[in-house]
């Protein structure tokens, strides 16, 4: 199952060109939504030799239109291609960065390898790999995709300083939360209602492997 909130269900946004932050190509900015859909579909064919799924195209369009976007789709749908497609809409001179929060370090390692094979620069930040040198490299724009855990995102003072720096904010194109349903689940776990959660709402196998820090996002 794959679901995304239809455009008719949310207010129509106004595309805004940022004076300091990340923008898509001007020629794309001026296209109609229908022409943008065609361009996104063609981009997927050109780079991956595969036809785009409708919800992949709609998700990218929603991001271009400035909407916060939630996509519910199963394994193998191609969710990870959506940030890559969106990144293709941004001039390389921007040195834009996509920040991806994931619940498992191993998932980040796999995604870094996948991004590198697709021609992107990427890094997975862990307690072992995130240090002052790495922080400086990220601030300088050496990595296009940065993967990290909720703990680093929420509790690491060095990352906090990096994240709120004007240099980083001006290049931040997108924040992605992988396995975003865990935000809701761990929120229940930390609340008083957790005692009343039934198996219909919470799977034990989920609780053991995903980080409780997700509930704080």
Protein backbone atom coordinates (compact mmCIF):
# COMPACT_ATOMS: atom_id res chain seq x y z
CA UNK A 1 0.00 0.00 0.00
CA UNK A 2 1.22 3.47 -0.86
CA UNK A 3 -0.52 6.60 0.29
CA UNK A 4 0.11 10.31 0.09
CA UNK A 5 -2.22 13.14 1.00
CA UNK A 6 -3.73 14.41 -2.28
CA UNK A 7 -3.02 18.04 -3.23
CA UNK A 8 -6.75 18.81 -3.02
CA UNK A 9 -6.66 18.01 0.71
CA UNK A 10 -4.06 20.65 1.57
CA UNK A 11 -3.83 24.38 0.86
CA UNK A 12 -2.30 25.34 -2.46
CA UNK A 13 1.17 26.70 -1.65
CA UNK A 14 2.94 29.55 -3.32
CA UNK A 15 6.37 28.77 -4.68
CA UNK A 16 8.85 31.12 -3.10
CA UNK A 17 12.37 31.79 -4.26
CA UNK A 18 14.61 31.95 -1.20
CA UNK A 19 17.04 34.85 -1.09
CA UNK A 20 19.60 32.89 0.94
CA UNK A 21 18.56 29.23 1.00
CA UNK A 22 18.09 26.38 -1.46
CA UNK A 23 16.03 26.79 -4.62
CA UNK A 24 15.26 24.52 -7.54
CA UNK A 25 16.41 25.47 -11.02
CA UNK A 26 14.75 28.72 -12.14
CA UNK A 27 13.54 27.09 -15.36
CA UNK A 28 11.77 24.45 -13.26
CA UNK A 29 10.42 27.02 -10.83
CA UNK A 30 8.56 28.68 -13.70
CA UNK A 31 7.00 25.46 -15.01
CA UNK A 32 3.40 24.51 -14.35
CA UNK A 33 2.68 21.60 -12.02
CA UNK A 34 1.84 19.38 -14.97
CA UNK A 35 5.12 20.20 -16.73
CA UNK A 36 6.98 19.54 -13.50
CA UNK A 37 5.37 16.10 -13.26
CA UNK A 38 6.58 15.36 -16.77
CA UNK A 39 10.08 16.55 -15.90
CA UNK A 40 10.26 14.43 -12.72
CA UNK A 41 9.09 11.35 -14.63
CA UNK A 42 11.65 11.95 -17.37
CA UNK A 43 14.41 12.44 -14.79
CA UNK A 44 13.71 9.02 -13.28
CA UNK A 45 13.85 7.39 -16.70
CA UNK A 46 17.05 9.23 -17.65
CA UNK A 47 18.94 8.34 -14.48
CA UNK A 48 17.45 5.01 -13.44
CA UNK A 49 15.95 3.63 -16.66
CA UNK A 50 12.67 3.02 -14.85
CA UNK A 51 9.23 4.51 -15.20
CA UNK A 52 8.17 6.65 -12.25
CA UNK A 53 5.32 5.62 -10.02
CA UNK A 54 2.59 8.20 -9.67
CA UNK A 55 3.13 8.64 -5.94
CA UNK A 56 6.86 9.10 -6.43
CA UNK A 57 6.13 11.95 -8.82
CA UNK A 58 3.48 13.46 -6.53
CA UNK A 59 5.82 13.28 -3.53
CA UNK A 60 8.57 15.13 -5.40
CA UNK A 61 6.07 17.69 -6.67
CA UNK A 62 4.82 18.26 -3.12
CA UNK A 63 8.38 18.93 -1.98
CA UNK A 64 8.95 21.34 -4.87
CA UNK A 65 5.70 23.10 -3.95
CA UNK A 66 6.94 23.58 -0.39
CA UNK A 67 4.63 21.11 1.33
CA UNK A 68 5.51 18.96 4.31
CA UNK A 69 5.03 15.49 2.86
CA UNK A 70 4.20 12.14 4.47
CA UNK A 71 4.44 9.03 2.31
CA UNK A 72 3.21 5.64 3.52
CA UNK A 73 4.50 2.87 1.26
CA UNK A 74 5.76 -0.67 1.61
CA UNK A 75 9.24 -2.09 1.26
CA UNK A 76 10.44 -2.01 -2.34
CA UNK A 77 8.22 0.89 -3.37
CA UNK A 78 11.18 3.14 -4.11
CA UNK A 79 10.82 5.69 -1.32
CA UNK A 80 14.56 6.36 -1.18
CA UNK A 81 14.49 7.61 -4.76
CA UNK A 82 12.21 10.50 -3.87
CA UNK A 83 14.91 12.58 -2.11
CA UNK A 84 17.31 11.76 -4.95
CA UNK A 85 14.82 12.94 -7.55
CA UNK A 86 14.18 16.10 -5.57
CA UNK A 87 17.92 16.69 -5.31
CA UNK A 88 18.18 16.51 -9.11
CA UNK A 89 15.93 19.59 -9.26
CA UNK A 90 18.53 21.69 -7.38
CA UNK A 91 21.59 23.34 -9.00
CA UNK A 92 24.82 21.59 -8.00
CA UNK A 93 26.45 24.95 -7.29
CA UNK A 94 24.18 25.28 -4.26
CA UNK A 95 25.99 22.42 -2.48
CA UNK A 96 22.63 21.49 -1.01
CA UNK A 97 22.36 18.86 1.71
CA UNK A 98 19.57 16.40 2.52
CA UNK A 99 19.40 15.36 6.17
CA UNK A 100 17.97 11.88 6.82
CA UNK A 101 17.04 10.62 10.27
CA UNK A 102 16.98 6.84 10.53
CA UNK A 103 16.35 4.54 13.53
CA UNK A 104 19.21 2.12 12.88
CA UNK A 105 22.88 2.77 12.10
CA UNK A 106 22.86 -0.22 9.74
CA UNK A 107 20.10 1.39 7.69
CA UNK A 108 22.21 4.52 7.38
CA UNK A 109 25.22 2.51 6.27
CA UNK A 110 23.16 0.79 3.59
CA UNK A 111 21.70 4.07 2.37
CA UNK A 112 25.14 5.70 2.20
CA UNK A 113 26.38 2.86 0.01
CA UNK A 114 23.30 3.14 -2.21
CA UNK A 115 23.73 6.92 -2.58
CA UNK A 116 27.42 6.58 -3.39
CA UNK A 117 26.64 4.01 -6.07
CA UNK A 118 24.15 6.50 -7.53
CA UNK A 119 26.83 9.19 -7.71
CA UNK A 120 26.02 11.18 -4.57
CA UNK A 121 28.35 11.98 -1.69
CA UNK A 122 26.97 10.68 1.60
CA UNK A 123 27.91 9.95 5.19
CA UNK A 124 26.30 8.15 8.13
CA UNK A 125 26.88 9.94 11.42
CA UNK A 126 27.29 7.69 14.45
CA UNK A 127 28.86 8.18 17.86
CA UNK A 128 32.07 6.79 16.38
CA UNK A 129 32.14 8.78 13.14
CA UNK A 130 30.79 12.18 14.17
CA UNK A 131 33.59 14.43 15.36
CA UNK A 132 34.86 17.98 14.85
CA UNK A 133 36.50 17.11 11.53
CA UNK A 134 33.32 15.51 10.18
CA UNK A 135 31.24 18.45 11.38
CA UNK A 136 33.52 20.85 9.51
CA UNK A 137 33.31 18.73 6.34
CA UNK A 138 29.51 18.79 6.50
CA UNK A 139 29.49 22.54 7.04
CA UNK A 140 31.75 22.99 4.02
CA UNK A 141 29.31 21.05 1.84
CA UNK A 142 31.34 17.89 1.23
CA UNK A 143 28.30 15.64 1.64
CA UNK A 144 25.03 15.82 -0.26
CA UNK A 145 23.21 13.29 1.94
CA UNK A 146 23.80 13.12 5.69
CA UNK A 147 22.31 10.23 7.69
CA UNK A 148 22.09 10.31 11.46
CA UNK A 149 20.27 8.95 14.48
CA UNK A 150 17.62 10.84 16.48
CA UNK A 151 20.03 10.88 19.45
CA UNK A 152 22.62 12.89 17.53
CA UNK A 153 19.95 15.13 16.02
CA UNK A 154 18.38 15.91 19.40
CA UNK A 155 21.11 15.56 22.01
CA UNK A 156 24.50 16.25 20.43
CA UNK A 157 25.72 19.78 21.18
CA UNK A 158 28.25 19.75 18.34
CA UNK A 159 25.56 18.79 15.83
CA UNK A 160 23.22 21.40 17.29
CA UNK A 161 25.83 24.07 16.65
CA UNK A 162 26.32 22.78 13.09
CA UNK A 163 22.60 22.50 12.36
CA UNK A 164 21.74 26.04 13.45
CA UNK A 165 24.71 27.67 11.75
CA UNK A 166 23.76 29.99 8.90
CA UNK A 167 26.10 28.14 6.52
CA UNK A 168 24.28 24.85 7.08
CA UNK A 169 20.78 26.31 7.13
CA UNK A 170 21.40 28.08 3.82
CA UNK A 171 22.25 24.74 2.21
CA UNK A 172 19.63 22.56 3.92
CA UNK A 173 17.34 21.36 1.14
CA UNK A 174 15.31 18.71 2.92
CA UNK A 175 14.87 16.85 6.21
CA UNK A 176 13.71 13.25 5.81
CA UNK A 177 12.52 11.01 8.64
CA UNK A 178 12.80 7.34 7.73
CA UNK A 179 10.34 4.97 9.42
CA UNK A 180 8.39 8.04 10.52
CA UNK A 181 5.56 5.94 11.96
CA UNK A 182 7.90 5.21 14.88
CA UNK A 183 7.56 8.84 16.02
CA UNK A 184 3.93 8.15 16.86
CA UNK A 185 4.56 4.72 18.35
CA UNK A 186 7.37 5.85 20.64
CA UNK A 187 5.34 8.87 21.62
CA UNK A 188 2.72 6.48 22.94
CA UNK A 189 5.38 4.41 24.67
CA UNK A 190 6.60 7.45 26.58
CA UNK A 191 3.10 8.59 27.47
CA UNK A 192 0.76 7.29 30.14
CA UNK A 193 -1.39 5.69 27.44
CA UNK A 194 1.37 3.20 26.69
CA UNK A 195 -0.01 0.81 29.30
CA UNK A 196 -3.17 0.46 27.24
CA UNK A 197 -1.57 -0.11 23.83
CA UNK A 198 -2.73 -3.34 22.27
CA UNK A 199 -0.99 -5.53 19.72
CA UNK A 200 -3.15 -3.96 17.02
CA UNK A 201 -1.27 -0.71 17.49
CA UNK A 202 2.17 -1.83 18.61
CA UNK A 203 4.38 -4.69 17.47
CA UNK A 204 6.91 -6.04 19.94
CA UNK A 205 9.44 -6.62 17.17
CA UNK A 206 9.31 -2.91 16.39
CA UNK A 207 9.93 -1.89 19.99
CA UNK A 208 13.19 -3.72 20.36
CA UNK A 209 15.07 -2.40 17.34
CA UNK A 210 13.91 1.20 16.99
CA UNK A 211 15.23 4.00 19.14
CA UNK A 212 13.00 5.62 21.78
CA UNK A 213 14.41 9.01 20.78
CA UNK A 214 12.00 8.95 17.84
CA UNK A 215 9.17 9.93 20.19
CA UNK A 216 10.90 13.23 20.90
CA UNK A 217 10.99 14.32 17.25
